[in-house]
Amino acid sequence: MKGFIKKDLAIARSNIKMLAVLFVLYTIIGLLGSMDISFMLPFISVMVIISTFNCDALNNWEAYAATLPDGRRNSVKSKYLVTLLIVFASTILSIILSFVIAYVNSQDLNIGTTLLSMIITSLCTLLFECFMFPLIYKYGVEKARIGIFIIIFGIIVIGGFLIQFINLSSLDRILLAIKDYGLIIFITIVGILLYLSYRISLKFQMKKDL
């Protein structure tokens, strides 16, 4: 299991130059006050994770992993564990970046709001990957990208259609009711979906003909 994790982390480190360039670029934009870009780092982690799938496909890794003891299960498990590690690391980096930019620009920074924003951004990143991973294991990286685009577009269209029939006053009351427990509820939902995503991805991987 450790070998699988080390392999994915090694692939992630191979993207360090690209990440360093993006980090510097976002820092400069933030220092210039053009926009708040600290939320971008967790989403960049998605690019890193996808790169591990691309590398696996290029080197026919899944066929090799299937020959190892419990290789298919460990290959899926390592992807999810490495994803959690990378999202956590990028979140910490985003928080540091926010404080540095605020300090250099002599801006007032609400610590509570900043931390909450970063946590929600990271949870949204994990939520996105909950849907992305099963698609990749089922259809491969290239086809999965198309499926992800369709899902996102569909959510936007359906959401825009349904919002016309939502009683906004009722929605405000619901949001007010869950205000004190909203973050806990969100974390719980993402945790459950992450586990279900893992089980579905594992099922696809175990049935895949390599």
C-alpha atoms as a PDB file:
ATOM      1  CA  MET A   1       0.000   0.000   0.000  1.00  0.00           C
ATOM      2  CA  LYS A   2       2.825   2.392   0.860  1.00  0.00           C
ATOM      3  CA  GLY A   3       4.349   1.747  -2.556  1.00  0.00           C
ATOM      4  CA  PHE A   4       1.155   2.839  -4.308  1.00  0.00           C
ATOM      5  CA  ILE A   5       0.994   6.035  -2.266  1.00  0.00           C
ATOM      6  CA  LYS A   6       4.674   6.799  -2.893  1.00  0.00           C
ATOM      7  CA  LYS A   7       4.144   6.264  -6.613  1.00  0.00           C
ATOM      8  CA  ASP A   8       1.256   8.765  -6.791  1.00  0.00           C
ATOM      9  CA  LEU A   9       3.131  11.286  -4.659  1.00  0.00           C
ATOM     10  CA  ALA A  10       6.177  10.921  -6.928  1.00  0.00           C
ATOM     11  CA  ILE A  11       4.006  11.680  -9.961  1.00  0.00           C
ATOM     12  CA  ALA A  12       2.523  14.669  -8.123  1.00  0.00           C
ATOM     13  CA  ARG A  13       6.028  15.966  -7.357  1.00  0.00           C
ATOM     14  CA  SER A  14       6.879  15.751 -11.054  1.00  0.00           C
ATOM     15  CA  ASN A  15       4.403  18.613 -11.548  1.00  0.00           C
ATOM     16  CA  ILE A  16       6.166  20.796  -8.980  1.00  0.00           C
ATOM     17  CA  LYS A  17       7.588  23.182 -11.598  1.00  0.00           C
ATOM     18  CA  MET A  18       4.178  23.859 -13.103  1.00  0.00           C
ATOM     19  CA  LEU A  19       2.682  24.319  -9.642  1.00  0.00           C
ATOM     20  CA  ALA A  20       5.497  26.653  -8.613  1.00  0.00           C
ATOM     21  CA  VAL A  21       4.905  28.847 -11.666  1.00  0.00           C
ATOM     22  CA  LEU A  22       1.162  28.973 -10.982  1.00  0.00           C
ATOM     23  CA  PHE A  23       1.793  29.703  -7.307  1.00  0.00           C
ATOM     24  CA  VAL A  24       4.071  32.635  -8.153  1.00  0.00           C
ATOM     25  CA  LEU A  25       1.610  33.918 -10.767  1.00  0.00           C
ATOM     26  CA  TYR A  26      -1.325  33.794  -8.354  1.00  0.00           C
ATOM     27  CA  THR A  27       0.745  35.438  -5.631  1.00  0.00           C
ATOM     28  CA  ILE A  28       1.648  38.337  -7.944  1.00  0.00           C
ATOM     29  CA  ILE A  29      -1.999  38.760  -8.963  1.00  0.00           C
ATOM     30  CA  GLY A  30      -3.017  38.715  -5.311  1.00  0.00           C
ATOM     31  CA  LEU A  31      -0.373  41.265  -4.340  1.00  0.00           C
ATOM     32  CA  LEU A  32      -1.545  43.561  -7.116  1.00  0.00           C
ATOM     33  CA  GLY A  33      -5.022  43.339  -5.621  1.00  0.00           C
ATOM     34  CA  SER A  34      -6.587  42.278  -8.905  1.00  0.00           C
ATOM     35  CA  MET A  35      -8.586  39.452  -7.359  1.00  0.00           C
ATOM     36  CA  ASP A  36      -8.684  37.025  -4.487  1.00  0.00           C
ATOM     37  CA  ILE A  37      -7.007  33.956  -5.926  1.00  0.00           C
ATOM     38  CA  SER A  38      -6.237  31.944  -2.791  1.00  0.00           C
ATOM     39  CA  PHE A  39      -9.217  29.670  -3.450  1.00  0.00           C
ATOM     40  CA  MET A  40      -7.599  28.506  -6.703  1.00  0.00           C
ATOM     41  CA  LEU A  41      -4.933  26.316  -5.097  1.00  0.00           C
ATOM     42  CA  PRO A  42      -7.260  23.524  -3.911  1.00  0.00           C
ATOM     43  CA  PHE A  43      -8.760  23.375  -7.390  1.00  0.00           C
ATOM     44  CA  ILE A  44      -5.277  23.152  -8.898  1.00  0.00           C
ATOM     45  CA  SER A  45      -4.908  19.964  -6.878  1.00  0.00           C
ATOM     46  CA  VAL A  46      -7.498  18.435  -9.217  1.00  0.00           C
ATOM     47  CA  MET A  47      -5.065  18.941 -12.096  1.00  0.00           C
ATOM     48  CA  VAL A  48      -2.366  17.167 -10.112  1.00  0.00           C
ATOM     49  CA  ILE A  49      -4.608  14.195  -9.378  1.00  0.00           C
ATOM     50  CA  ILE A  50      -5.689  13.911 -13.013  1.00  0.00           C
ATOM     51  CA  SER A  51      -2.011  13.900 -14.004  1.00  0.00           C
ATOM     52  CA  THR A  52      -1.515  10.730 -11.928  1.00  0.00           C
ATOM     53  CA  PHE A  53      -4.300   9.028 -13.893  1.00  0.00           C
ATOM     54  CA  ASN A  54      -2.752  10.187 -17.176  1.00  0.00           C
ATOM     55  CA  CYS A  55       0.625   8.818 -16.148  1.00  0.00           C
ATOM     56  CA  ASP A  56      -0.925   5.497 -15.101  1.00  0.00           C
ATOM     57  CA  ALA A  57      -2.668   5.160 -18.463  1.00  0.00           C
ATOM     58  CA  LEU A  58       0.484   6.082 -20.380  1.00  0.00           C
ATOM     59  CA  ASN A  59       2.560   3.454 -18.575  1.00  0.00           C
ATOM     60  CA  ASN A  60      -0.175   0.795 -18.445  1.00  0.00           C
ATOM     61  CA  TRP A  61       0.087   0.860 -14.652  1.00  0.00           C
ATOM     62  CA  GLU A  62      -3.301  -0.711 -13.949  1.00  0.00           C
ATOM     63  CA  ALA A  63      -2.381  -3.937 -15.744  1.00  0.00           C
ATOM     64  CA  TYR A  64       0.787  -4.174 -13.667  1.00  0.00           C
ATOM     65  CA  ALA A  65      -1.005  -3.303 -10.424  1.00  0.00           C
ATOM     66  CA  ALA A  66      -3.525  -6.091 -11.082  1.00  0.00           C
ATOM     67  CA  THR A  67      -0.693  -8.639 -10.854  1.00  0.00           C
ATOM     68  CA  LEU A  68       0.243  -7.499  -7.336  1.00  0.00           C
ATOM     69  CA  PRO A  69      -1.411  -8.853  -4.170  1.00  0.00           C
ATOM     70  CA  ASP A  70      -4.616  -6.876  -3.694  1.00  0.00           C
ATOM     71  CA  GLY A  71      -3.208  -4.498  -6.306  1.00  0.00           C
ATOM     72  CA  ARG A  72      -6.484  -3.244  -7.754  1.00  0.00           C
ATOM     73  CA  ARG A  73      -7.908  -2.372  -4.348  1.00  0.00           C
ATOM     74  CA  ASN A  74      -4.713  -0.655  -3.213  1.00  0.00           C
ATOM     75  CA  SER A  75      -4.416   1.343  -6.442  1.00  0.00           C
ATOM     76  CA  VAL A  76      -7.882   2.826  -5.885  1.00  0.00           C
ATOM     77  CA  LYS A  77      -7.353   3.364  -2.174  1.00  0.00           C
ATOM     78  CA  SER A  78      -4.048   5.164  -2.754  1.00  0.00           C
ATOM     79  CA  LYS A  79      -5.685   7.574  -5.217  1.00  0.00           C
ATOM     80  CA  TYR A  80      -8.222   8.649  -2.603  1.00  0.00           C
ATOM     81  CA  LEU A  81      -5.660   8.909   0.201  1.00  0.00           C
ATOM     82  CA  VAL A  82      -3.235  10.914  -1.932  1.00  0.00           C
ATOM     83  CA  THR A  83      -6.116  13.165  -2.996  1.00  0.00           C
ATOM     84  CA  LEU A  84      -6.902  13.918   0.656  1.00  0.00           C
ATOM     85  CA  LEU A  85      -3.225  14.665   1.329  1.00  0.00           C
ATOM     86  CA  ILE A  86      -2.867  16.973  -1.677  1.00  0.00           C
ATOM     87  CA  VAL A  87      -6.108  18.863  -0.989  1.00  0.00           C
ATOM     88  CA  PHE A  88      -5.100  19.289   2.662  1.00  0.00           C
ATOM     89  CA  ALA A  89      -1.625  20.547   1.694  1.00  0.00           C
ATOM     90  CA  SER A  90      -3.018  22.964  -0.896  1.00  0.00           C
ATOM     91  CA  THR A  91      -5.527  24.274   1.644  1.00  0.00           C
ATOM     92  CA  ILE A  92      -2.770  25.001   4.168  1.00  0.00           C
ATOM     93  CA  LEU A  93      -0.778  26.699   1.406  1.00  0.00           C
ATOM     94  CA  SER A  94      -3.825  28.762   0.434  1.00  0.00           C
ATOM     95  CA  ILE A  95      -4.304  29.924   4.016  1.00  0.00           C
ATOM     96  CA  ILE A  96      -0.642  30.953   4.262  1.00  0.00           C
ATOM     97  CA  LEU A  97      -0.882  32.743   0.916  1.00  0.00           C
ATOM     98  CA  SER A  98      -3.957  34.670   2.067  1.00  0.00           C
ATOM     99  CA  PHE A  99      -2.219  35.886   5.218  1.00  0.00           C
ATOM    100  CA  VAL A 100       0.956  36.848   3.327  1.00  0.00           C
ATOM    101  CA  ILE A 101      -0.980  38.834   0.711  1.00  0.00           C
ATOM    102  CA  ALA A 102      -3.076  40.560   3.387  1.00  0.00           C
ATOM    103  CA  TYR A 103       0.060  41.440   5.383  1.00  0.00           C
ATOM    104  CA  VAL A 104       1.989  42.806   2.382  1.00  0.00           C
ATOM    105  CA  ASN A 105      -1.009  44.825   1.197  1.00  0.00           C
ATOM    106  CA  SER A 106      -1.738  46.008   4.760  1.00  0.00           C
ATOM    107  CA  GLN A 107      -5.252  44.664   4.524  1.00  0.00           C
ATOM    108  CA  ASP A 108      -7.536  43.699   7.369  1.00  0.00           C
ATOM    109  CA  LEU A 109      -8.088  39.946   7.304  1.00  0.00           C
ATOM    110  CA  ASN A 110     -10.933  38.229   9.092  1.00  0.00           C
ATOM    111  CA  ILE A 111      -9.280  35.016  10.239  1.00  0.00           C
ATOM    112  CA  GLY A 112     -12.551  33.191  10.882  1.00  0.00           C
ATOM    113  CA  THR A 113     -14.025  34.092   7.511  1.00  0.00           C
ATOM    114  CA  THR A 114     -10.805  33.206   5.693  1.00  0.00           C
ATOM    115  CA  LEU A 115     -10.531  29.799   7.351  1.00  0.00           C
ATOM    116  CA  LEU A 116     -14.198  29.053   6.691  1.00  0.00           C
ATOM    117  CA  SER A 117     -13.804  30.054   3.048  1.00  0.00           C
ATOM    118  CA  MET A 118     -10.790  27.778   2.623  1.00  0.00           C
ATOM    119  CA  ILE A 119     -12.516  24.839   4.297  1.00  0.00           C
ATOM    120  CA  ILE A 120     -15.598  25.204   2.107  1.00  0.00           C
ATOM    121  CA  THR A 121     -13.428  25.502  -1.012  1.00  0.00           C
ATOM    122  CA  SER A 122     -11.568  22.316  -0.073  1.00  0.00           C
ATOM    123  CA  LEU A 123     -14.821  20.486   0.620  1.00  0.00           C
ATOM    124  CA  CYS A 124     -16.163  21.581  -2.769  1.00  0.00           C
ATOM    125  CA  THR A 125     -12.963  20.273  -4.361  1.00  0.00           C
ATOM    126  CA  LEU A 126     -13.444  16.901  -2.674  1.00  0.00           C
ATOM    127  CA  LEU A 127     -17.116  16.913  -3.661  1.00  0.00           C
ATOM    128  CA  PHE A 128     -16.133  17.446  -7.286  1.00  0.00           C
ATOM    129  CA  GLU A 129     -13.641  14.582  -7.090  1.00  0.00           C
ATOM    130  CA  CYS A 130     -16.323  12.324  -5.581  1.00  0.00           C
ATOM    131  CA  PHE A 131     -18.043  12.441  -8.974  1.00  0.00           C
ATOM    132  CA  MET A 132     -14.869  12.602 -11.049  1.00  0.00           C
ATOM    133  CA  PHE A 133     -13.150   9.445  -9.783  1.00  0.00           C
ATOM    134  CA  PRO A 134     -15.876   6.892 -10.599  1.00  0.00           C
ATOM    135  CA  LEU A 135     -16.192   8.369 -14.088  1.00  0.00           C
ATOM    136  CA  ILE A 136     -12.450   8.027 -14.639  1.00  0.00           C
ATOM    137  CA  TYR A 137     -12.387   4.428 -13.420  1.00  0.00           C
ATOM    138  CA  LYS A 138     -15.391   3.585 -15.579  1.00  0.00           C
ATOM    139  CA  TYR A 139     -14.566   5.401 -18.822  1.00  0.00           C
ATOM    140  CA  GLY A 140     -10.954   6.589 -18.600  1.00  0.00           C
ATOM    141  CA  VAL A 141      -9.590  10.116 -18.230  1.00  0.00           C
ATOM    142  CA  GLU A 142     -10.486  11.499 -21.652  1.00  0.00           C
ATOM    143  CA  LYS A 143     -14.084  10.301 -21.724  1.00  0.00           C
ATOM    144  CA  ALA A 144     -14.525  11.230 -18.069  1.00  0.00           C
ATOM    145  CA  ARG A 145     -13.693  14.876 -18.829  1.00  0.00           C
ATOM    146  CA  ILE A 146     -16.615  15.005 -21.243  1.00  0.00           C
ATOM    147  CA  GLY A 147     -18.885  13.391 -18.672  1.00  0.00           C
ATOM    148  CA  ILE A 148     -17.798  15.850 -15.975  1.00  0.00           C
ATOM    149  CA  PHE A 149     -18.515  18.790 -18.284  1.00  0.00           C
ATOM    150  CA  ILE A 150     -21.983  17.421 -19.026  1.00  0.00           C
ATOM    151  CA  ILE A 151     -22.714  16.935 -15.320  1.00  0.00           C
ATOM    152  CA  ILE A 152     -21.603  20.467 -14.411  1.00  0.00           C
ATOM    153  CA  PHE A 153     -23.551  21.974 -17.308  1.00  0.00           C
ATOM    154  CA  GLY A 154     -26.592  19.916 -16.358  1.00  0.00           C
ATOM    155  CA  ILE A 155     -26.442  21.045 -12.725  1.00  0.00           C
ATOM    156  CA  ILE A 156     -26.252  24.698 -13.802  1.00  0.00           C
ATOM    157  CA  VAL A 157     -29.187  24.350 -16.217  1.00  0.00           C
ATOM    158  CA  ILE A 158     -31.372  22.366 -13.804  1.00  0.00           C
ATOM    159  CA  GLY A 159     -30.469  24.667 -10.921  1.00  0.00           C
ATOM    160  CA  GLY A 160     -31.328  27.736 -12.980  1.00  0.00           C
ATOM    161  CA  PHE A 161     -34.657  26.171 -13.926  1.00  0.00           C
ATOM    162  CA  LEU A 162     -35.598  25.072 -10.400  1.00  0.00           C
ATOM    163  CA  ILE A 163     -34.659  28.367  -8.746  1.00  0.00           C
ATOM    164  CA  GLN A 164     -37.603  29.971 -10.558  1.00  0.00           C
ATOM    165  CA  PHE A 165     -39.962  27.832  -8.476  1.00  0.00           C
ATOM    166  CA  ILE A 166     -38.193  28.162  -5.121  1.00  0.00           C
ATOM    167  CA  ASN A 167     -39.741  30.325  -2.458  1.00  0.00           C
ATOM    168  CA  LEU A 168     -36.764  32.469  -1.448  1.00  0.00           C
ATOM    169  CA  SER A 169     -38.287  33.357   1.912  1.00  0.00           C
ATOM    170  CA  SER A 170     -38.568  29.662   2.743  1.00  0.00           C
ATOM    171  CA  LEU A 171     -34.984  29.147   1.595  1.00  0.00           C
ATOM    172  CA  ASP A 172     -33.812  31.922   3.922  1.00  0.00           C
ATOM    173  CA  ARG A 173     -35.522  30.221   6.859  1.00  0.00           C
ATOM    174  CA  ILE A 174     -33.877  26.907   6.004  1.00  0.00           C
ATOM    175  CA  LEU A 175     -30.435  28.507   5.731  1.00  0.00           C
ATOM    176  CA  LEU A 176     -30.976  30.286   9.033  1.00  0.00           C
ATOM    177  CA  ALA A 177     -32.000  27.019  10.689  1.00  0.00           C
ATOM    178  CA  ILE A 178     -28.826  25.214   9.593  1.00  0.00           C
ATOM    179  CA  LYS A 179     -26.519  28.191  10.121  1.00  0.00           C
ATOM    180  CA  ASP A 180     -24.995  26.853  13.329  1.00  0.00           C
ATOM    181  CA  TYR A 181     -24.552  23.326  11.975  1.00  0.00           C
ATOM    182  CA  GLY A 182     -24.124  23.967   8.260  1.00  0.00           C
ATOM    183  CA  LEU A 183     -20.387  23.269   8.148  1.00  0.00           C
ATOM    184  CA  ILE A 184     -20.727  20.057  10.153  1.00  0.00           C
ATOM    185  CA  ILE A 185     -23.554  18.911   7.887  1.00  0.00           C
ATOM    186  CA  PHE A 186     -21.501  19.736   4.781  1.00  0.00           C
ATOM    187  CA  ILE A 187     -18.443  17.871   6.102  1.00  0.00           C
ATOM    188  CA  THR A 188     -20.618  14.856   6.916  1.00  0.00           C
ATOM    189  CA  ILE A 189     -22.217  14.843   3.464  1.00  0.00           C
ATOM    190  CA  VAL A 190     -18.836  15.111   1.712  1.00  0.00           C
ATOM    191  CA  GLY A 191     -17.434  12.336   3.922  1.00  0.00           C
ATOM    192  CA  ILE A 192     -20.330  10.010   3.070  1.00  0.00           C
ATOM    193  CA  LEU A 193     -20.125  10.819  -0.646  1.00  0.00           C
ATOM    194  CA  LEU A 194     -16.358  10.307  -0.597  1.00  0.00           C
ATOM    195  CA  TYR A 195     -16.806   6.834   0.877  1.00  0.00           C
ATOM    196  CA  LEU A 196     -19.550   5.956  -1.621  1.00  0.00           C
ATOM    197  CA  SER A 197     -17.359   7.288  -4.427  1.00  0.00           C
ATOM    198  CA  TYR A 198     -14.526   5.036  -3.261  1.00  0.00           C
ATOM    199  CA  ARG A 199     -16.781   1.975  -3.160  1.00  0.00           C
ATOM    200  CA  ILE A 200     -18.133   2.685  -6.665  1.00  0.00           C
ATOM    201  CA  SER A 201     -14.646   3.312  -8.077  1.00  0.00           C
ATOM    202  CA  LEU A 202     -13.416   0.097  -6.465  1.00  0.00           C
ATOM    203  CA  LYS A 203     -16.306  -1.829  -7.982  1.00  0.00           C
ATOM    204  CA  PHE A 204     -15.521  -0.477 -11.461  1.00  0.00           C
ATOM    205  CA  GLN A 205     -11.819  -1.218 -11.050  1.00  0.00           C
ATOM    206  CA  MET A 206     -12.386  -4.770  -9.816  1.00  0.00           C
ATOM    207  CA  LYS A 207     -14.623  -5.547 -12.811  1.00  0.00           C
ATOM    208  CA  LYS A 208     -12.377  -3.877 -15.369  1.00  0.00           C
ATOM    209  CA  ASP A 209     -10.830  -6.163 -17.975  1.00  0.00           C
ATOM    210  CA  LEU A 210      -7.129  -5.205 -18.046  1.00  0.00           C
END
